[in-house]
Amino acid sequence: MQTIVAETLCTEKVNGFMLIGSVARGDAYPDSDLDFYILLEEGQKKKFHSETREGILVEYKCADVNQILVNFKKIRWNYIHF
């Protein structure tokens, strides 16, 4: 996971990076995917994308601060870990 975060921070215009989903909640199974929310610099846009790394599906959801404010109203805070 640390490698994924480091690579993303080096290649994207990122303000933050959050682990979300079952791994963040602590209820993941051995074959669970990794879900990340990438906080982009204001005005940056990037579509959802996914990849398989070492046999694990990794999904990236991306948004800038304005879109995050909209999206966070839809997310229950107790499921997000910083």
Protein backbone atom coordinates (compact mmCIF):
# COMPACT_ATOMS: atom_id res chain seq x y z
CA MET A 1 0.00 0.00 0.00
CA GLN A 2 2.82 2.42 0.81
CA THR A 3 4.26 1.95 -2.68
CA ILE A 4 0.92 2.82 -4.29
CA VAL A 5 0.60 5.98 -2.21
CA ALA A 6 4.19 7.06 -2.89
CA GLU A 7 3.88 6.49 -6.64
CA THR A 8 0.60 8.39 -6.85
CA LEU A 9 1.89 11.35 -4.85
CA CYS A 10 4.89 11.59 -7.19
CA THR A 11 2.93 11.42 -10.44
CA GLU A 12 -0.33 13.28 -9.75
CA LYS A 13 -1.24 16.78 -8.58
CA VAL A 14 -2.51 15.50 -5.25
CA ASN A 15 -3.45 17.22 -1.99
CA GLY A 16 -4.34 14.04 -0.15
CA PHE A 17 -4.90 10.34 -0.36
CA MET A 18 -7.44 8.29 1.63
CA LEU A 19 -7.96 4.59 2.02
CA ILE A 20 -11.69 3.83 1.96
CA GLY A 21 -13.82 0.70 1.77
CA SER A 22 -13.56 -2.61 3.59
CA VAL A 23 -9.81 -2.40 4.26
CA ALA A 24 -10.24 1.03 5.90
CA ARG A 25 -13.20 -0.23 7.94
CA GLY A 26 -11.25 -3.28 9.08
CA ASP A 27 -13.70 -5.83 7.68
CA ALA A 28 -11.81 -6.88 4.54
CA TYR A 29 -11.44 -10.46 3.38
CA PRO A 30 -8.11 -11.81 2.08
CA ASP A 31 -9.30 -11.29 -1.51
CA SER A 32 -10.76 -7.80 -0.95
CA ASP A 33 -9.77 -4.97 -3.25
CA LEU A 34 -8.09 -1.72 -2.19
CA ASP A 35 -10.16 1.45 -2.58
CA PHE A 36 -8.48 4.84 -2.60
CA TYR A 37 -9.91 8.34 -2.77
CA ILE A 38 -7.43 10.78 -4.30
CA LEU A 39 -7.85 14.44 -3.33
CA LEU A 40 -6.67 16.39 -6.37
CA GLU A 41 -5.49 19.98 -6.49
CA GLU A 42 -8.30 22.43 -7.18
CA GLY A 43 -9.42 22.38 -10.80
CA GLN A 44 -7.78 19.03 -11.56
CA LYS A 45 -9.93 16.27 -12.98
CA LYS A 46 -9.25 12.59 -13.34
CA LYS A 47 -11.70 9.79 -13.97
CA PHE A 48 -12.15 6.69 -11.86
CA HIS A 49 -9.63 4.06 -12.78
CA SER A 50 -8.51 0.68 -11.56
CA GLU A 51 -5.61 -1.69 -11.97
CA THR A 52 -4.45 -5.05 -10.69
CA ARG A 53 -1.26 -5.02 -8.64
CA GLU A 54 0.27 -8.23 -7.36
CA GLY A 55 -3.08 -9.95 -7.90
CA ILE A 56 -5.08 -7.33 -5.98
CA LEU A 57 -7.64 -5.06 -7.62
CA VAL A 58 -6.86 -1.42 -6.77
CA GLU A 59 -9.53 1.22 -7.45
CA TYR A 60 -8.93 4.96 -7.51
CA LYS A 61 -11.72 7.48 -7.11
CA CYS A 62 -10.56 11.05 -7.77
CA ALA A 63 -11.96 14.51 -7.08
CA ASP A 64 -10.84 18.06 -6.36
CA VAL A 65 -11.89 19.97 -3.24
CA ASN A 66 -15.14 21.24 -4.78
CA GLN A 67 -16.28 17.79 -5.84
CA ILE A 68 -15.19 16.34 -2.51
CA LEU A 69 -17.52 18.68 -0.66
CA VAL A 70 -20.38 17.35 -2.76
CA ASN A 71 -19.29 13.71 -2.42
CA PHE A 72 -18.69 13.80 1.35
CA LYS A 73 -22.33 14.64 1.90
CA LYS A 74 -23.02 11.18 0.45
CA ILE A 75 -20.43 9.31 2.56
CA ARG A 76 -20.92 8.33 6.19
CA TRP A 77 -17.98 9.84 8.11
CA ASN A 78 -17.45 6.82 10.34
CA TYR A 79 -16.35 4.83 7.29
CA ILE A 80 -13.54 7.17 6.26
CA HIS A 81 -10.13 6.84 7.89
CA PHE A 82 -7.42 9.45 7.36
